[in-house]
Amino acid sequence: MRLVDIKRTTKETDIQVIWNLDGKGRSTIDTGIPFMDHMLTLFARHGGFDLTVKATGDLAVDCHHTMEDLGLTMGQALSEALGSKAGIRRYGNFLLPMDETLALVALDLSGRPYLVYKVNPPASYIKDMDTALFKEFFYAFTVKSAMTLHINMLAEGETHHIFESIFKGFARALREAVSIDPNETGVPSTKGVL
């Protein structure tokens, strides 16, 4: 079982992530940011991950520190859960429609962090949350997980639908990448390491 329990505490945030990559899609999410709770619940369900996230942050300032530190903590959790990455498929991609929106998410668990983020939501806020902070979350996630991640909106529309399609697509692509390949006997790289 690829299960980790990661805690990150700073003067700005206190975050715990318990993540079982081989779960059933169950989740308990409390970030203090209702829309992010919704997105991580979708992420766990569509990724088939069991995920517990408890975050306390300086939300009276704004959501920035919490969103960034969520990305850092989840990225670290993924990296530790994968270990040497022996036997995984490594690559994943998914094209996900959500009503009028269409997200393309592709990733490589390469050991090389890189984010390509082509998302232009029509609204700058969802309720009181700045939508630019999703890029901060994904950037932090890619850095700590050492993942190459491309998120490209092929058809945009309502802001809620845009981010729902992204998180569901990310979940499905990551589910594919972390899955065990029965034909892979070691690390999926000619270098012998990822």
N, C-alpha and C. Protein backbone atom coordinates (compact mmCIF):
# COMPACT_ATOMS: atom_id res chain seq x y z
N MET A 1 0.85 -1.19 0.00
CA MET A 1 0.00 0.00 0.00
C MET A 1 0.89 1.25 0.00
N ARG A 2 0.59 2.19 -0.91
CA ARG A 2 1.36 3.42 -1.01
C ARG A 2 0.61 4.51 -0.25
N LEU A 3 0.90 4.56 1.05
CA LEU A 3 0.20 5.44 1.98
C LEU A 3 1.20 6.32 2.71
N VAL A 4 0.94 7.62 2.74
CA VAL A 4 1.81 8.55 3.46
C VAL A 4 1.00 9.49 4.33
N ASP A 5 1.65 10.00 5.36
CA ASP A 5 1.07 10.98 6.28
C ASP A 5 2.11 12.10 6.41
N ILE A 6 1.82 13.26 5.82
CA ILE A 6 2.76 14.37 5.76
C ILE A 6 2.18 15.56 6.51
N LYS A 7 3.04 16.21 7.29
CA LYS A 7 2.61 17.41 8.01
C LYS A 7 3.58 18.55 7.70
N ARG A 8 3.04 19.72 7.44
CA ARG A 8 3.84 20.92 7.19
C ARG A 8 3.30 22.04 8.07
N THR A 9 4.18 22.61 8.91
CA THR A 9 3.77 23.68 9.81
C THR A 9 4.71 24.86 9.63
N THR A 10 4.13 26.02 9.37
CA THR A 10 4.88 27.26 9.28
C THR A 10 4.17 28.30 10.16
N LYS A 11 4.66 29.51 10.16
CA LYS A 11 3.99 30.58 10.90
C LYS A 11 2.70 31.01 10.22
N GLU A 12 2.51 30.58 8.97
CA GLU A 12 1.34 30.97 8.19
C GLU A 12 0.30 29.86 8.04
N THR A 13 0.76 28.60 8.04
CA THR A 13 -0.17 27.48 7.82
C THR A 13 0.23 26.27 8.65
N ASP A 14 -0.75 25.42 8.85
CA ASP A 14 -0.54 24.11 9.50
C ASP A 14 -1.36 23.11 8.68
N ILE A 15 -0.66 22.22 7.97
CA ILE A 15 -1.34 21.34 7.01
C ILE A 15 -0.93 19.89 7.22
N GLN A 16 -1.91 19.00 7.20
CA GLN A 16 -1.68 17.56 7.24
C GLN A 16 -2.35 16.93 6.03
N VAL A 17 -1.61 16.06 5.35
CA VAL A 17 -2.14 15.31 4.21
C VAL A 17 -1.87 13.84 4.45
N ILE A 18 -2.93 13.05 4.45
CA ILE A 18 -2.82 11.58 4.50
C ILE A 18 -3.36 11.09 3.17
N TRP A 19 -2.50 10.39 2.42
CA TRP A 19 -2.84 10.05 1.03
C TRP A 19 -2.51 8.59 0.77
N ASN A 20 -3.53 7.84 0.37
CA ASN A 20 -3.36 6.46 -0.06
C ASN A 20 -3.61 6.43 -1.57
N LEU A 21 -2.54 6.21 -2.33
CA LEU A 21 -2.67 6.19 -3.80
C LEU A 21 -3.52 5.03 -4.29
N ASP A 22 -3.62 3.99 -3.49
CA ASP A 22 -4.35 2.78 -3.88
C ASP A 22 -5.67 2.67 -3.13
N GLY A 23 -6.38 3.78 -3.06
CA GLY A 23 -7.61 3.83 -2.29
C GLY A 23 -8.86 3.55 -3.12
N LYS A 24 -9.97 4.07 -2.62
CA LYS A 24 -11.28 3.86 -3.23
C LYS A 24 -11.99 5.17 -3.55
N GLY A 25 -11.27 6.30 -3.43
CA GLY A 25 -11.89 7.59 -3.73
C GLY A 25 -12.56 8.24 -2.55
N ARG A 26 -12.23 7.79 -1.34
CA ARG A 26 -12.82 8.37 -0.13
C ARG A 26 -12.00 9.59 0.30
N SER A 27 -12.68 10.58 0.88
CA SER A 27 -11.95 11.77 1.30
C SER A 27 -12.60 12.45 2.50
N THR A 28 -11.75 13.11 3.26
CA THR A 28 -12.16 14.03 4.31
C THR A 28 -11.31 15.27 4.11
N ILE A 29 -11.93 16.35 3.67
CA ILE A 29 -11.19 17.55 3.28
C ILE A 29 -11.70 18.75 4.07
N ASP A 30 -10.75 19.47 4.69
CA ASP A 30 -11.09 20.70 5.40
C ASP A 30 -9.90 21.65 5.27
N THR A 31 -9.96 22.51 4.27
CA THR A 31 -8.87 23.46 4.02
C THR A 31 -9.19 24.86 4.56
N GLY A 32 -10.44 25.08 4.97
CA GLY A 32 -10.87 26.42 5.33
C GLY A 32 -11.31 27.23 4.13
N ILE A 33 -11.15 26.66 2.93
CA ILE A 33 -11.56 27.31 1.67
C ILE A 33 -12.60 26.40 1.03
N PRO A 34 -13.88 26.72 1.14
CA PRO A 34 -14.93 25.80 0.68
C PRO A 34 -14.78 25.32 -0.77
N PHE A 35 -14.42 26.21 -1.68
CA PHE A 35 -14.29 25.78 -3.08
C PHE A 35 -13.13 24.81 -3.24
N MET A 36 -12.03 25.02 -2.53
CA MET A 36 -10.90 24.09 -2.61
C MET A 36 -11.28 22.74 -2.00
N ASP A 37 -12.09 22.75 -0.95
CA ASP A 37 -12.60 21.49 -0.39
C ASP A 37 -13.35 20.71 -1.46
N HIS A 38 -14.17 21.41 -2.21
CA HIS A 38 -14.95 20.79 -3.29
C HIS A 38 -14.02 20.21 -4.36
N MET A 39 -12.99 20.98 -4.74
CA MET A 39 -12.06 20.52 -5.78
C MET A 39 -11.26 19.29 -5.32
N LEU A 40 -10.79 19.29 -4.08
CA LEU A 40 -10.00 18.15 -3.60
C LEU A 40 -10.87 16.91 -3.36
N THR A 41 -12.13 17.12 -3.04
CA THR A 41 -13.07 16.00 -2.93
C THR A 41 -13.26 15.35 -4.30
N LEU A 42 -13.43 16.18 -5.34
CA LEU A 42 -13.53 15.66 -6.71
C LEU A 42 -12.24 14.95 -7.12
N PHE A 43 -11.11 15.55 -6.78
CA PHE A 43 -9.80 14.99 -7.11
C PHE A 43 -9.65 13.59 -6.52
N ALA A 44 -9.99 13.43 -5.25
CA ALA A 44 -9.87 12.12 -4.60
C ALA A 44 -10.80 11.10 -5.26
N ARG A 45 -12.03 11.49 -5.51
CA ARG A 45 -13.02 10.57 -6.09
C ARG A 45 -12.61 10.11 -7.48
N HIS A 46 -12.21 11.04 -8.32
CA HIS A 46 -11.90 10.69 -9.70
C HIS A 46 -10.50 10.09 -9.86
N GLY A 47 -9.65 10.30 -8.87
CA GLY A 47 -8.33 9.66 -8.89
C GLY A 47 -8.34 8.28 -8.25
N GLY A 48 -9.42 7.96 -7.54
CA GLY A 48 -9.45 6.69 -6.80
C GLY A 48 -8.50 6.72 -5.62
N PHE A 49 -8.25 7.93 -5.09
CA PHE A 49 -7.34 8.08 -3.96
C PHE A 49 -8.14 8.21 -2.67
N ASP A 50 -7.62 7.66 -1.58
CA ASP A 50 -8.15 7.99 -0.26
C ASP A 50 -7.32 9.16 0.23
N LEU A 51 -7.99 10.26 0.56
CA LEU A 51 -7.28 11.50 0.85
C LEU A 51 -7.91 12.21 2.04
N THR A 52 -7.06 12.52 3.00
CA THR A 52 -7.46 13.36 4.12
C THR A 52 -6.59 14.60 4.10
N VAL A 53 -7.22 15.75 4.10
CA VAL A 53 -6.49 17.02 4.13
C VAL A 53 -7.09 17.89 5.22
N LYS A 54 -6.24 18.33 6.13
CA LYS A 54 -6.65 19.27 7.19
C LYS A 54 -5.69 20.44 7.14
N ALA A 55 -6.22 21.62 6.85
CA ALA A 55 -5.38 22.82 6.73
C ALA A 55 -5.95 23.96 7.56
N THR A 56 -5.06 24.60 8.27
CA THR A 56 -5.40 25.84 8.96
C THR A 56 -4.41 26.88 8.46
N GLY A 57 -4.92 27.98 7.97
CA GLY A 57 -4.04 29.01 7.43
C GLY A 57 -4.49 30.41 7.80
N ASP A 58 -3.67 31.39 7.43
CA ASP A 58 -3.97 32.78 7.74
C ASP A 58 -4.96 33.35 6.71
N LEU A 59 -6.14 32.77 6.69
CA LEU A 59 -7.15 33.16 5.70
C LEU A 59 -7.67 34.57 5.93
N ALA A 60 -7.43 35.12 7.12
CA ALA A 60 -7.81 36.51 7.36
C ALA A 60 -6.97 37.45 6.50
N VAL A 61 -5.75 37.00 6.12
CA VAL A 61 -4.91 37.78 5.21
C VAL A 61 -5.44 37.59 3.80
N ASP A 62 -5.37 36.36 3.30
CA ASP A 62 -6.02 35.91 2.08
C ASP A 62 -5.76 34.42 1.94
N CYS A 63 -6.10 33.85 0.80
CA CYS A 63 -5.98 32.39 0.62
C CYS A 63 -4.61 31.97 0.08
N HIS A 64 -3.74 32.92 -0.23
CA HIS A 64 -2.50 32.61 -0.94
C HIS A 64 -1.63 31.60 -0.20
N HIS A 65 -1.30 31.85 1.05
CA HIS A 65 -0.40 30.96 1.78
C HIS A 65 -0.98 29.56 1.91
N THR A 66 -2.27 29.48 2.15
CA THR A 66 -2.90 28.16 2.29
C THR A 66 -2.88 27.40 0.98
N MET A 67 -3.21 28.07 -0.12
CA MET A 67 -3.22 27.39 -1.42
C MET A 67 -1.81 26.93 -1.82
N GLU A 68 -0.83 27.79 -1.65
CA GLU A 68 0.54 27.43 -2.00
C GLU A 68 1.04 26.27 -1.13
N ASP A 69 0.80 26.36 0.16
CA ASP A 69 1.28 25.32 1.07
C ASP A 69 0.53 24.00 0.90
N LEU A 70 -0.73 24.07 0.48
CA LEU A 70 -1.45 22.84 0.11
C LEU A 70 -0.75 22.16 -1.05
N GLY A 71 -0.37 22.94 -2.06
CA GLY A 71 0.35 22.38 -3.20
C GLY A 71 1.68 21.76 -2.79
N LEU A 72 2.43 22.47 -1.94
CA LEU A 72 3.72 21.95 -1.48
C LEU A 72 3.55 20.65 -0.70
N THR A 73 2.58 20.62 0.20
CA THR A 73 2.39 19.44 1.05
C THR A 73 1.88 18.25 0.24
N MET A 74 0.94 18.49 -0.66
CA MET A 74 0.43 17.39 -1.48
C MET A 74 1.49 16.89 -2.45
N GLY A 75 2.30 17.79 -3.00
CA GLY A 75 3.38 17.37 -3.88
C GLY A 75 4.40 16.51 -3.15
N GLN A 76 4.75 16.91 -1.93
CA GLN A 76 5.67 16.11 -1.12
C GLN A 76 5.07 14.75 -0.80
N ALA A 77 3.78 14.74 -0.48
CA ALA A 77 3.11 13.47 -0.17
C ALA A 77 3.15 12.53 -1.37
N LEU A 78 2.88 13.05 -2.56
CA LEU A 78 2.93 12.22 -3.75
C LEU A 78 4.33 11.66 -3.97
N SER A 79 5.33 12.52 -3.85
CA SER A 79 6.71 12.09 -4.05
C SER A 79 7.10 10.97 -3.09
N GLU A 80 6.74 11.13 -1.83
CA GLU A 80 7.08 10.11 -0.83
C GLU A 80 6.29 8.82 -1.04
N ALA A 81 5.03 8.95 -1.45
CA ALA A 81 4.22 7.75 -1.69
C ALA A 81 4.77 6.92 -2.86
N LEU A 82 5.33 7.60 -3.85
CA LEU A 82 5.85 6.90 -5.04
C LEU A 82 7.22 6.28 -4.82
N GLY A 83 7.98 6.79 -3.86
CA GLY A 83 9.30 6.23 -3.59
C GLY A 83 10.20 6.27 -4.81
N SER A 84 10.74 5.13 -5.20
CA SER A 84 11.65 5.06 -6.36
C SER A 84 10.91 5.14 -7.69
N LYS A 85 9.59 5.02 -7.65
CA LYS A 85 8.71 5.02 -8.83
C LYS A 85 8.83 3.74 -9.66
N ALA A 86 9.42 2.72 -9.09
CA ALA A 86 9.53 1.44 -9.79
C ALA A 86 8.14 0.88 -10.09
N GLY A 87 7.94 0.46 -11.32
CA GLY A 87 6.72 -0.21 -11.72
C GLY A 87 5.57 0.67 -12.15
N ILE A 88 5.70 1.99 -11.99
CA ILE A 88 4.58 2.87 -12.37
C ILE A 88 4.55 3.11 -13.87
N ARG A 89 3.41 3.57 -14.34
CA ARG A 89 3.27 3.89 -15.76
C ARG A 89 4.00 5.19 -16.13
N ARG A 90 4.15 6.08 -15.18
CA ARG A 90 4.90 7.34 -15.29
C ARG A 90 4.12 8.45 -15.98
N TYR A 91 3.54 8.19 -17.12
CA TYR A 91 2.82 9.21 -17.89
C TYR A 91 1.32 9.06 -17.70
N GLY A 92 0.63 10.19 -17.78
CA GLY A 92 -0.82 10.16 -17.73
C GLY A 92 -1.39 11.36 -18.46
N ASN A 93 -2.53 11.18 -19.07
CA ASN A 93 -3.21 12.31 -19.70
C ASN A 93 -4.70 12.05 -19.73
N PHE A 94 -5.46 13.14 -19.74
CA PHE A 94 -6.91 12.99 -19.78
C PHE A 94 -7.52 14.23 -20.41
N LEU A 95 -8.49 14.02 -21.24
CA LEU A 95 -9.27 15.07 -21.87
C LEU A 95 -10.64 15.04 -21.21
N LEU A 96 -10.96 16.09 -20.43
CA LEU A 96 -12.17 16.02 -19.63
C LEU A 96 -13.16 17.14 -19.95
N PRO A 97 -14.36 16.77 -20.43
CA PRO A 97 -15.40 17.77 -20.64
C PRO A 97 -16.20 18.00 -19.36
N MET A 98 -16.53 19.23 -19.11
CA MET A 98 -17.47 19.58 -18.03
C MET A 98 -18.43 20.58 -18.64
N ASP A 99 -19.54 20.05 -19.12
CA ASP A 99 -20.51 20.86 -19.85
C ASP A 99 -19.83 21.60 -21.01
N GLU A 100 -19.78 22.92 -20.96
CA GLU A 100 -19.22 23.68 -22.09
C GLU A 100 -17.69 23.76 -22.06
N THR A 101 -17.07 23.35 -20.97
CA THR A 101 -15.61 23.45 -20.85
C THR A 101 -14.94 22.13 -21.22
N LEU A 102 -13.66 22.24 -21.61
CA LEU A 102 -12.89 21.06 -21.98
C LEU A 102 -11.44 21.27 -21.55
N ALA A 103 -10.97 20.43 -20.64
CA ALA A 103 -9.60 20.55 -20.13
C ALA A 103 -8.76 19.38 -20.63
N LEU A 104 -7.55 19.71 -21.05
CA LEU A 104 -6.56 18.70 -21.38
C LEU A 104 -5.48 18.76 -20.30
N VAL A 105 -5.29 17.65 -19.61
CA VAL A 105 -4.26 17.56 -18.58
C VAL A 105 -3.33 16.42 -18.95
N ALA A 106 -2.04 16.70 -19.02
CA ALA A 106 -1.03 15.69 -19.33
C ALA A 106 0.12 15.86 -18.36
N LEU A 107 0.67 14.73 -17.90
CA LEU A 107 1.74 14.83 -16.91
C LEU A 107 2.74 13.69 -17.06
N ASP A 108 3.92 13.96 -16.54
CA ASP A 108 5.04 13.02 -16.55
C ASP A 108 5.69 13.08 -15.17
N LEU A 109 5.74 11.96 -14.50
CA LEU A 109 6.39 11.88 -13.18
C LEU A 109 7.89 11.70 -13.40
N SER A 110 8.48 12.69 -14.02
CA SER A 110 9.82 12.62 -14.61
C SER A 110 10.94 12.92 -13.64
N GLY A 111 10.64 13.54 -12.51
CA GLY A 111 11.69 14.04 -11.65
C GLY A 111 12.14 15.44 -12.04
N ARG A 112 11.49 16.01 -13.06
CA ARG A 112 11.81 17.35 -13.53
C ARG A 112 10.56 18.23 -13.38
N PRO A 113 10.56 19.14 -12.40
CA PRO A 113 9.37 19.97 -12.19
C PRO A 113 9.20 21.02 -13.28
N TYR A 114 8.01 21.05 -13.86
CA TYR A 114 7.71 22.06 -14.87
C TYR A 114 6.20 22.17 -14.99
N LEU A 115 5.72 23.40 -15.05
CA LEU A 115 4.29 23.64 -15.20
C LEU A 115 4.02 24.49 -16.43
N VAL A 116 3.14 24.00 -17.30
CA VAL A 116 2.58 24.79 -18.39
C VAL A 116 1.10 24.93 -18.08
N TYR A 117 0.65 26.17 -17.91
CA TYR A 117 -0.70 26.44 -17.41
C TYR A 117 -1.37 27.44 -18.34
N LYS A 118 -2.26 26.96 -19.19
CA LYS A 118 -2.96 27.82 -20.15
C LYS A 118 -4.44 27.85 -19.79
N VAL A 119 -4.73 28.70 -18.81
CA VAL A 119 -6.08 28.82 -18.26
C VAL A 119 -6.39 30.30 -18.09
N ASN A 120 -7.49 30.73 -18.67
CA ASN A 120 -7.91 32.14 -18.57
C ASN A 120 -9.38 32.21 -18.15
N PRO A 121 -9.66 32.03 -16.86
CA PRO A 121 -11.07 32.04 -16.43
C PRO A 121 -11.69 33.43 -16.63
N PRO A 122 -12.97 33.48 -16.96
CA PRO A 122 -13.62 34.77 -17.20
C PRO A 122 -13.81 35.59 -15.92
N ALA A 123 -13.84 34.92 -14.78
CA ALA A 123 -14.01 35.63 -13.51
C ALA A 123 -12.73 35.52 -12.69
N SER A 124 -12.36 36.61 -12.05
CA SER A 124 -11.15 36.62 -11.22
C SER A 124 -11.37 35.99 -9.85
N TYR A 125 -12.64 35.85 -9.46
CA TYR A 125 -12.95 35.28 -8.15
C TYR A 125 -14.06 34.25 -8.25
N ILE A 126 -13.97 33.23 -7.43
CA ILE A 126 -15.07 32.32 -7.16
C ILE A 126 -15.42 32.58 -5.70
N LYS A 127 -16.57 33.15 -5.48
CA LYS A 127 -16.97 33.66 -4.17
C LYS A 127 -15.90 34.65 -3.74
N ASP A 128 -15.11 34.36 -2.69
CA ASP A 128 -14.07 35.31 -2.26
C ASP A 128 -12.66 34.77 -2.51
N MET A 129 -12.55 33.77 -3.40
CA MET A 129 -11.25 33.18 -3.67
C MET A 129 -10.72 33.63 -5.03
N ASP A 130 -9.49 34.13 -5.04
CA ASP A 130 -8.82 34.59 -6.25
C ASP A 130 -8.47 33.36 -7.11
N THR A 131 -8.99 33.31 -8.33
CA THR A 131 -8.76 32.14 -9.18
C THR A 131 -7.30 32.02 -9.64
N ALA A 132 -6.52 33.11 -9.55
CA ALA A 132 -5.09 33.04 -9.89
C ALA A 132 -4.34 32.11 -8.94
N LEU A 133 -4.90 31.86 -7.77
CA LEU A 133 -4.23 31.01 -6.78
C LEU A 133 -4.21 29.54 -7.18
N PHE A 134 -5.03 29.14 -8.13
CA PHE A 134 -4.95 27.76 -8.61
C PHE A 134 -3.61 27.52 -9.32
N LYS A 135 -3.12 28.51 -10.03
CA LYS A 135 -1.81 28.36 -10.65
C LYS A 135 -0.73 28.22 -9.59
N GLU A 136 -0.83 28.97 -8.51
CA GLU A 136 0.13 28.86 -7.40
C GLU A 136 0.08 27.46 -6.79
N PHE A 137 -1.12 26.91 -6.63
CA PHE A 137 -1.27 25.55 -6.10
C PHE A 137 -0.58 24.54 -7.01
N PHE A 138 -0.88 24.60 -8.29
CA PHE A 138 -0.31 23.61 -9.22
C PHE A 138 1.21 23.79 -9.37
N TYR A 139 1.68 25.03 -9.34
CA TYR A 139 3.13 25.26 -9.42
C TYR A 139 3.83 24.64 -8.21
N ALA A 140 3.32 24.89 -7.02
CA ALA A 140 3.90 24.32 -5.81
C ALA A 140 3.85 22.79 -5.84
N PHE A 141 2.75 22.25 -6.31
CA PHE A 141 2.58 20.80 -6.42
C PHE A 141 3.65 20.21 -7.34
N THR A 142 3.85 20.84 -8.50
CA THR A 142 4.83 20.30 -9.46
C THR A 142 6.25 20.38 -8.90
N VAL A 143 6.57 21.45 -8.20
CA VAL A 143 7.92 21.61 -7.64
C VAL A 143 8.21 20.50 -6.64
N LYS A 144 7.32 20.28 -5.69
CA LYS A 144 7.57 19.29 -4.63
C LYS A 144 7.45 17.85 -5.11
N SER A 145 6.63 17.61 -6.12
CA SER A 145 6.48 16.25 -6.64
C SER A 145 7.46 15.96 -7.76
N ALA A 146 8.14 17.00 -8.25
CA ALA A 146 9.07 16.89 -9.39
C ALA A 146 8.35 16.29 -10.60
N MET A 147 7.21 16.87 -10.90
CA MET A 147 6.34 16.43 -12.00
C MET A 147 6.34 17.47 -13.10
N THR A 148 6.28 17.04 -14.34
CA THR A 148 5.97 17.93 -15.45
C THR A 148 4.46 17.87 -15.66
N LEU A 149 3.83 19.04 -15.66
CA LEU A 149 2.37 19.09 -15.73
C LEU A 149 1.93 20.14 -16.74
N HIS A 150 1.09 19.73 -17.68
CA HIS A 150 0.49 20.64 -18.65
C HIS A 150 -1.02 20.68 -18.39
N ILE A 151 -1.54 21.89 -18.22
CA ILE A 151 -2.98 22.10 -18.08
C ILE A 151 -3.38 23.09 -19.15
N ASN A 152 -4.24 22.65 -20.04
CA ASN A 152 -4.62 23.47 -21.19
C ASN A 152 -6.13 23.44 -21.35
N MET A 153 -6.76 24.60 -21.24
CA MET A 153 -8.20 24.68 -21.47
C MET A 153 -8.45 24.80 -22.97
N LEU A 154 -9.06 23.78 -23.53
CA LEU A 154 -9.36 23.78 -24.97
C LEU A 154 -10.67 24.48 -25.27
N ALA A 155 -11.58 24.46 -24.29
CA ALA A 155 -12.85 25.19 -24.41
C ALA A 155 -13.17 25.75 -23.04
N GLU A 156 -13.29 27.06 -22.98
CA GLU A 156 -13.55 27.70 -21.70
C GLU A 156 -15.00 28.08 -21.59
N GLY A 157 -15.41 28.40 -20.38
CA GLY A 157 -16.80 28.76 -20.14
C GLY A 157 -16.94 29.29 -18.74
N GLU A 158 -17.94 28.83 -18.04
CA GLU A 158 -18.20 29.29 -16.68
C GLU A 158 -17.03 28.91 -15.77
N THR A 159 -16.65 29.80 -14.87
CA THR A 159 -15.43 29.66 -14.07
C THR A 159 -15.44 28.41 -13.20
N HIS A 160 -16.55 28.14 -12.54
CA HIS A 160 -16.65 26.92 -11.71
C HIS A 160 -16.40 25.68 -12.57
N HIS A 161 -17.01 25.63 -13.74
CA HIS A 161 -16.84 24.47 -14.62
C HIS A 161 -15.41 24.31 -15.10
N ILE A 162 -14.73 25.43 -15.34
CA ILE A 162 -13.33 25.37 -15.76
C ILE A 162 -12.49 24.62 -14.73
N PHE A 163 -12.60 25.03 -13.47
CA PHE A 163 -11.75 24.41 -12.45
C PHE A 163 -12.20 23.00 -12.09
N GLU A 164 -13.48 22.74 -12.20
CA GLU A 164 -13.96 21.37 -11.99
C GLU A 164 -13.40 20.44 -13.07
N SER A 165 -13.39 20.89 -14.32
CA SER A 165 -12.83 20.05 -15.38
C SER A 165 -11.33 19.85 -15.19
N ILE A 166 -10.63 20.89 -14.72
CA ILE A 166 -9.19 20.76 -14.48
C ILE A 166 -8.90 19.74 -13.39
N PHE A 167 -9.57 19.86 -12.25
CA PHE A 167 -9.27 18.95 -11.14
C PHE A 167 -9.68 17.51 -11.44
N LYS A 168 -10.79 17.31 -12.13
CA LYS A 168 -11.17 15.95 -12.51
C LYS A 168 -10.18 15.39 -13.53
N GLY A 169 -9.78 16.21 -14.50
CA GLY A 169 -8.80 15.77 -15.49
C GLY A 169 -7.45 15.47 -14.85
N PHE A 170 -7.03 16.30 -13.91
CA PHE A 170 -5.77 16.08 -13.19
C PHE A 170 -5.83 14.76 -12.42
N ALA A 171 -6.94 14.51 -11.78
CA ALA A 171 -7.11 13.27 -11.02
C ALA A 171 -7.00 12.05 -11.93
N ARG A 172 -7.69 12.09 -13.06
CA ARG A 172 -7.67 10.95 -13.97
C ARG A 172 -6.30 10.73 -14.60
N ALA A 173 -5.62 11.82 -14.94
CA ALA A 173 -4.27 11.70 -15.51
C ALA A 173 -3.29 11.16 -14.48
N LEU A 174 -3.38 11.66 -13.25
CA LEU A 174 -2.48 11.19 -12.20
C LEU A 174 -2.77 9.73 -11.84
N ARG A 175 -4.04 9.37 -11.83
CA ARG A 175 -4.41 7.97 -11.57
C ARG A 175 -3.73 7.04 -12.57
N GLU A 176 -3.72 7.45 -13.83
CA GLU A 176 -3.06 6.65 -14.87
C GLU A 176 -1.56 6.58 -14.64
N ALA A 177 -0.94 7.72 -14.32
CA ALA A 177 0.52 7.78 -14.19
C ALA A 177 1.05 6.98 -12.99
N VAL A 178 0.30 6.98 -11.88
CA VAL A 178 0.78 6.27 -10.68
C VAL A 178 0.40 4.80 -10.68
N SER A 179 -0.45 4.40 -11.62
CA SER A 179 -0.87 3.00 -11.64
C SER A 179 0.31 2.08 -11.97
N ILE A 180 0.22 0.88 -11.49
CA ILE A 180 1.28 -0.10 -11.69
C ILE A 180 1.13 -0.74 -13.06
N ASP A 181 2.21 -0.75 -13.81
CA ASP A 181 2.27 -1.37 -15.13
C ASP A 181 2.79 -2.79 -14.96
N PRO A 182 1.98 -3.81 -15.24
CA PRO A 182 2.42 -5.19 -15.05
C PRO A 182 3.60 -5.59 -15.93
N ASN A 183 3.84 -4.81 -16.99
CA ASN A 183 4.96 -5.12 -17.89
C ASN A 183 6.25 -4.38 -17.52
N GLU A 184 6.17 -3.52 -16.49
CA GLU A 184 7.34 -2.73 -16.10
C GLU A 184 8.02 -3.41 -14.90
N THR A 185 9.27 -3.76 -15.06
CA THR A 185 9.99 -4.46 -13.99
C THR A 185 10.83 -3.53 -13.12
N GLY A 186 11.02 -2.30 -13.56
CA GLY A 186 11.82 -1.35 -12.78
C GLY A 186 11.31 0.05 -12.95
N VAL A 187 12.22 1.00 -12.95
CA VAL A 187 11.85 2.40 -13.13
C VAL A 187 11.65 2.66 -14.64
N PRO A 188 10.54 3.28 -15.04
CA PRO A 188 10.27 3.48 -16.46
C PRO A 188 11.09 4.62 -17.06
N SER A 189 12.38 4.36 -17.20
CA SER A 189 13.30 5.33 -17.79
C SER A 189 14.55 4.62 -18.26
N THR A 190 15.09 5.03 -19.38
CA THR A 190 16.36 4.46 -19.86
C THR A 190 17.52 4.87 -18.97
N LYS A 191 17.33 5.90 -18.15
CA LYS A 191 18.36 6.34 -17.21
C LYS A 191 18.45 5.42 -16.01
N GLY A 192 17.36 4.70 -15.74
CA GLY A 192 17.33 3.83 -14.58
C GLY A 192 16.91 4.52 -13.30
N VAL A 193 16.58 5.82 -13.40
CA VAL A 193 16.14 6.58 -12.23
C VAL A 193 15.25 7.72 -12.71
N LEU A 194 14.30 8.08 -11.88
CA LEU A 194 13.42 9.23 -12.15
C LEU A 194 13.53 10.20 -10.98
